N, C-alpha and C. Protein backbone atom coordinates (compact mmCIF):
# COMPACT_ATOMS: atom_id res chain seq x y z
N UNK A 1 165.28 41.63 89.35
CA UNK A 1 165.45 42.27 90.64
C UNK A 1 164.39 43.35 90.79
N UNK A 2 163.81 43.44 91.98
CA UNK A 2 162.78 44.42 92.25
C UNK A 2 163.39 45.62 92.95
N UNK A 3 163.03 46.81 92.51
CA UNK A 3 163.53 48.05 93.10
C UNK A 3 162.40 48.70 93.87
N UNK A 4 162.70 49.11 95.09
CA UNK A 4 161.72 49.79 95.93
C UNK A 4 162.21 51.20 96.17
N UNK A 5 161.34 52.16 95.98
CA UNK A 5 161.70 53.56 96.22
C UNK A 5 160.95 54.06 97.45
N UNK A 6 161.62 54.98 98.18
CA UNK A 6 160.97 55.59 99.34
C UNK A 6 161.53 56.99 99.53
N UNK A 7 160.83 57.77 100.32
CA UNK A 7 161.27 59.13 100.60
C UNK A 7 162.57 59.09 101.40
N UNK A 8 163.40 60.08 101.22
CA UNK A 8 164.70 60.11 101.90
C UNK A 8 164.52 60.19 103.42
N UNK A 9 163.50 60.89 103.91
CA UNK A 9 163.25 60.98 105.35
C UNK A 9 162.90 59.61 105.94
N UNK A 10 162.11 58.85 105.21
CA UNK A 10 161.75 57.51 105.66
C UNK A 10 163.00 56.62 105.71
N UNK A 11 163.84 56.74 104.70
CA UNK A 11 165.08 55.97 104.65
C UNK A 11 165.99 56.33 105.83
N UNK A 12 166.13 57.62 106.10
CA UNK A 12 166.96 58.07 107.23
C UNK A 12 166.42 57.53 108.55
N UNK A 13 165.10 57.55 108.68
CA UNK A 13 164.46 57.04 109.89
C UNK A 13 164.76 55.55 110.08
N UNK A 14 164.65 54.78 108.99
CA UNK A 14 164.94 53.35 109.06
C UNK A 14 166.40 53.10 109.44
N UNK A 15 167.31 53.87 108.91
CA UNK A 15 168.73 53.73 109.25
C UNK A 15 168.95 54.02 110.73
N UNK A 16 168.30 55.06 111.26
CA UNK A 16 168.42 55.38 112.69
C UNK A 16 167.90 54.24 113.56
N UNK A 17 166.78 53.64 113.15
CA UNK A 17 166.23 52.51 113.90
C UNK A 17 167.20 51.33 113.90
N UNK A 18 167.77 51.04 112.76
CA UNK A 18 168.71 49.93 112.65
C UNK A 18 169.94 50.19 113.51
N UNK A 19 170.46 51.40 113.48
CA UNK A 19 171.63 51.73 114.29
C UNK A 19 171.30 51.63 115.78
N UNK A 20 170.10 52.05 116.16
CA UNK A 20 169.67 51.93 117.55
C UNK A 20 169.58 50.47 118.00
N UNK A 21 169.05 49.62 117.14
CA UNK A 21 168.98 48.20 117.45
C UNK A 21 170.37 47.59 117.59
N UNK A 22 171.26 47.97 116.71
CA UNK A 22 172.64 47.46 116.77
C UNK A 22 173.30 47.87 118.09
N UNK A 23 173.11 49.12 118.48
CA UNK A 23 173.69 49.60 119.73
C UNK A 23 173.12 48.84 120.92
N UNK A 24 171.81 48.60 120.92
CA UNK A 24 171.18 47.85 122.02
C UNK A 24 171.74 46.43 122.11
N UNK A 25 171.89 45.79 120.97
CA UNK A 25 172.43 44.42 120.95
C UNK A 25 173.87 44.41 121.43
N UNK A 26 174.67 45.36 120.97
CA UNK A 26 176.07 45.44 121.40
C UNK A 26 176.17 45.68 122.90
N UNK A 27 175.33 46.57 123.44
CA UNK A 27 175.33 46.86 124.88
C UNK A 27 174.98 45.62 125.69
N UNK A 28 173.98 44.88 125.21
CA UNK A 28 173.55 43.67 125.91
C UNK A 28 174.67 42.63 125.89
N UNK A 29 175.32 42.46 124.75
CA UNK A 29 176.42 41.51 124.65
C UNK A 29 177.55 41.88 125.59
N UNK A 30 177.90 43.16 125.66
CA UNK A 30 178.97 43.61 126.54
C UNK A 30 178.60 43.40 128.00
N UNK A 31 177.35 43.67 128.35
CA UNK A 31 176.91 43.52 129.73
C UNK A 31 176.97 42.06 130.16
N UNK A 32 176.54 41.15 129.28
CA UNK A 32 176.55 39.74 129.60
C UNK A 32 177.99 39.22 129.71
N UNK A 33 178.86 39.66 128.83
CA UNK A 33 180.24 39.19 128.83
C UNK A 33 181.00 39.69 130.05
N UNK A 34 180.63 40.84 130.57
CA UNK A 34 181.37 41.44 131.68
C UNK A 34 180.73 41.21 133.03
N UNK A 35 179.72 40.35 133.12
CA UNK A 35 179.05 40.19 134.41
C UNK A 35 179.93 39.40 135.38
N UNK A 36 179.76 39.69 136.65
CA UNK A 36 180.52 39.04 137.71
C UNK A 36 179.65 37.95 138.33
N UNK A 37 180.24 36.79 138.56
CA UNK A 37 179.51 35.66 139.12
C UNK A 37 179.92 35.42 140.56
N UNK A 38 178.94 35.07 141.40
CA UNK A 38 179.17 34.82 142.82
C UNK A 38 178.73 33.39 143.14
N UNK A 39 179.39 32.76 144.11
CA UNK A 39 178.95 31.43 144.53
C UNK A 39 178.01 31.54 145.73
N UNK A 40 177.55 30.38 146.20
CA UNK A 40 176.59 30.34 147.32
C UNK A 40 177.11 31.08 148.54
N UNK A 41 178.34 30.83 148.90
CA UNK A 41 178.91 31.44 150.10
C UNK A 41 178.94 32.96 149.99
N UNK A 42 179.34 33.46 148.83
CA UNK A 42 179.38 34.92 148.62
C UNK A 42 178.00 35.54 148.78
N UNK A 43 176.99 34.89 148.19
CA UNK A 43 175.63 35.44 148.24
C UNK A 43 175.05 35.35 149.64
N UNK A 44 175.31 34.25 150.33
CA UNK A 44 174.84 34.12 151.72
C UNK A 44 175.41 35.25 152.58
N UNK A 45 176.69 35.54 152.41
CA UNK A 45 177.31 36.63 153.17
C UNK A 45 176.73 37.98 152.76
N UNK A 46 176.53 38.15 151.47
CA UNK A 46 176.03 39.43 150.96
C UNK A 46 174.61 39.72 151.49
N UNK A 47 173.75 38.68 151.48
CA UNK A 47 172.36 38.86 151.92
C UNK A 47 172.18 38.59 153.41
N UNK A 48 173.22 38.06 154.04
CA UNK A 48 173.15 37.69 155.46
C UNK A 48 172.01 36.70 155.72
N UNK A 49 172.02 35.64 154.91
CA UNK A 49 171.02 34.57 155.03
C UNK A 49 171.75 33.22 155.08
N UNK A 50 171.03 32.19 155.48
CA UNK A 50 171.58 30.84 155.51
C UNK A 50 171.51 30.21 154.12
N UNK A 51 172.29 29.17 153.88
CA UNK A 51 172.20 28.47 152.59
C UNK A 51 170.78 27.95 152.32
N UNK A 52 170.06 27.53 153.37
CA UNK A 52 168.69 27.04 153.19
C UNK A 52 167.76 28.16 152.72
N UNK A 53 167.90 29.35 153.28
CA UNK A 53 167.09 30.49 152.85
C UNK A 53 167.39 30.81 151.39
N UNK A 54 168.65 30.77 151.04
CA UNK A 54 169.05 31.03 149.66
C UNK A 54 168.44 29.98 148.73
N UNK A 55 168.42 28.73 149.16
CA UNK A 55 167.78 27.68 148.36
C UNK A 55 166.29 27.95 148.20
N UNK A 56 165.64 28.44 149.26
CA UNK A 56 164.21 28.79 149.17
C UNK A 56 164.00 29.89 148.13
N UNK A 57 164.89 30.90 148.12
CA UNK A 57 164.78 31.98 147.13
C UNK A 57 164.89 31.41 145.72
N UNK A 58 165.80 30.45 145.52
CA UNK A 58 165.94 29.82 144.20
C UNK A 58 164.69 29.03 143.85
N UNK A 59 164.22 28.22 144.80
CA UNK A 59 163.04 27.38 144.57
C UNK A 59 161.80 28.21 144.26
N UNK A 60 161.70 29.39 144.87
CA UNK A 60 160.55 30.27 144.67
C UNK A 60 160.71 31.16 143.44
N UNK A 61 161.86 31.07 142.78
CA UNK A 61 162.10 31.87 141.58
C UNK A 61 162.41 33.33 141.88
N UNK A 62 162.82 33.63 143.10
CA UNK A 62 163.12 35.01 143.46
C UNK A 62 164.50 35.45 142.98
N UNK A 63 165.41 34.48 142.84
CA UNK A 63 166.78 34.77 142.41
C UNK A 63 167.16 33.79 141.30
N UNK A 64 167.67 34.33 140.20
CA UNK A 64 168.16 33.47 139.12
C UNK A 64 169.51 32.88 139.48
N UNK A 65 169.83 31.74 138.85
CA UNK A 65 171.11 31.09 139.15
C UNK A 65 171.52 30.21 137.99
N UNK A 66 172.75 29.76 138.03
CA UNK A 66 173.29 28.81 137.08
C UNK A 66 173.94 27.69 137.88
N UNK A 67 173.73 26.47 137.45
CA UNK A 67 174.31 25.33 138.14
C UNK A 67 175.26 24.60 137.18
N UNK A 68 176.50 24.44 137.62
CA UNK A 68 177.50 23.73 136.83
C UNK A 68 178.16 22.69 137.73
N UNK A 69 178.02 21.42 137.37
CA UNK A 69 178.59 20.33 138.17
C UNK A 69 178.21 20.46 139.64
N UNK A 70 176.96 20.66 139.92
CA UNK A 70 176.41 20.76 141.28
C UNK A 70 176.87 22.00 142.05
N UNK A 71 177.58 22.89 141.41
CA UNK A 71 177.98 24.16 142.06
C UNK A 71 177.08 25.25 141.50
N UNK A 72 176.57 26.09 142.40
CA UNK A 72 175.59 27.11 142.00
C UNK A 72 176.26 28.47 141.98
N UNK A 73 175.95 29.23 140.92
CA UNK A 73 176.48 30.58 140.75
C UNK A 73 175.34 31.55 140.51
N UNK A 74 175.56 32.80 140.92
CA UNK A 74 174.57 33.85 140.78
C UNK A 74 175.24 35.06 140.12
N UNK A 75 174.50 35.76 139.28
CA UNK A 75 175.02 37.00 138.72
C UNK A 75 174.94 38.08 139.78
N UNK A 76 176.01 38.82 139.96
CA UNK A 76 176.04 39.88 140.96
C UNK A 76 174.95 40.92 140.68
N UNK A 77 174.72 41.22 139.40
CA UNK A 77 173.67 42.17 139.03
C UNK A 77 172.30 41.70 139.50
N UNK A 78 172.04 40.38 139.40
CA UNK A 78 170.75 39.84 139.84
C UNK A 78 170.58 39.98 141.35
N UNK A 79 171.65 39.76 142.10
CA UNK A 79 171.57 39.87 143.56
C UNK A 79 171.32 41.32 143.96
N UNK A 80 172.03 42.25 143.31
CA UNK A 80 171.82 43.67 143.61
C UNK A 80 170.41 44.10 143.24
N UNK A 81 169.89 43.58 142.12
CA UNK A 81 168.50 43.89 141.73
C UNK A 81 167.52 43.33 142.75
N UNK A 82 167.78 42.11 143.24
CA UNK A 82 166.94 41.50 144.26
C UNK A 82 166.89 42.38 145.51
N UNK A 83 168.04 42.91 145.91
CA UNK A 83 168.08 43.80 147.06
C UNK A 83 167.28 45.08 146.80
N UNK A 84 167.44 45.67 145.63
CA UNK A 84 166.73 46.91 145.31
C UNK A 84 165.22 46.68 145.18
N UNK A 85 164.83 45.53 144.62
CA UNK A 85 163.41 45.23 144.48
C UNK A 85 162.72 45.09 145.84
N UNK A 86 163.48 44.70 146.84
CA UNK A 86 162.92 44.50 148.18
C UNK A 86 163.20 45.68 149.11
N UNK A 87 163.73 46.75 148.57
CA UNK A 87 164.05 47.94 149.34
C UNK A 87 162.78 48.67 149.76
N UNK A 88 162.72 49.03 151.01
CA UNK A 88 161.60 49.81 151.53
C UNK A 88 162.13 51.19 151.91
N UNK A 89 161.65 52.20 151.24
CA UNK A 89 162.12 53.57 151.48
C UNK A 89 161.67 54.05 152.85
N UNK A 90 162.49 54.86 153.51
CA UNK A 90 162.08 55.42 154.80
C UNK A 90 160.90 56.39 154.61
N UNK A 91 160.12 56.53 155.63
CA UNK A 91 159.00 57.46 155.56
C UNK A 91 158.99 58.32 156.81
N UNK A 92 158.42 59.49 156.67
CA UNK A 92 158.31 60.40 157.80
C UNK A 92 157.02 60.15 158.54
N UNK A 93 157.11 60.18 159.83
CA UNK A 93 155.90 60.09 160.63
C UNK A 93 155.34 61.49 160.79
N UNK A 94 154.06 61.60 160.81
CA UNK A 94 153.40 62.89 160.86
C UNK A 94 153.83 63.70 162.08
N UNK A 95 154.06 63.05 163.19
CA UNK A 95 154.41 63.78 164.41
C UNK A 95 155.87 64.24 164.42
N UNK A 96 156.66 63.81 163.44
CA UNK A 96 158.06 64.26 163.37
C UNK A 96 158.21 65.58 162.62
N UNK A 97 157.18 66.08 162.01
CA UNK A 97 157.27 67.32 161.22
C UNK A 97 157.60 68.42 162.11
């Protein structure tokens, strides 16, 4: 058996990194397990678009989806992210100052 020695500070640093990785993995697992799924009708109402427009978003890769037995589902987090990614912040016009 080979023994490796290292400074205690280096060892503590490695332990912190490992614990951080474990926390990140646990958080990701919890987020995936707790996600809410929406069907086509829910998303069409949420985005106020037609089913054809929603299909275009899927075809263009703008929105992720899952298909099970010809029924399509979307993660609610993905739809909210899609809305935020397309958000345009209000701006002030110079003459309104």
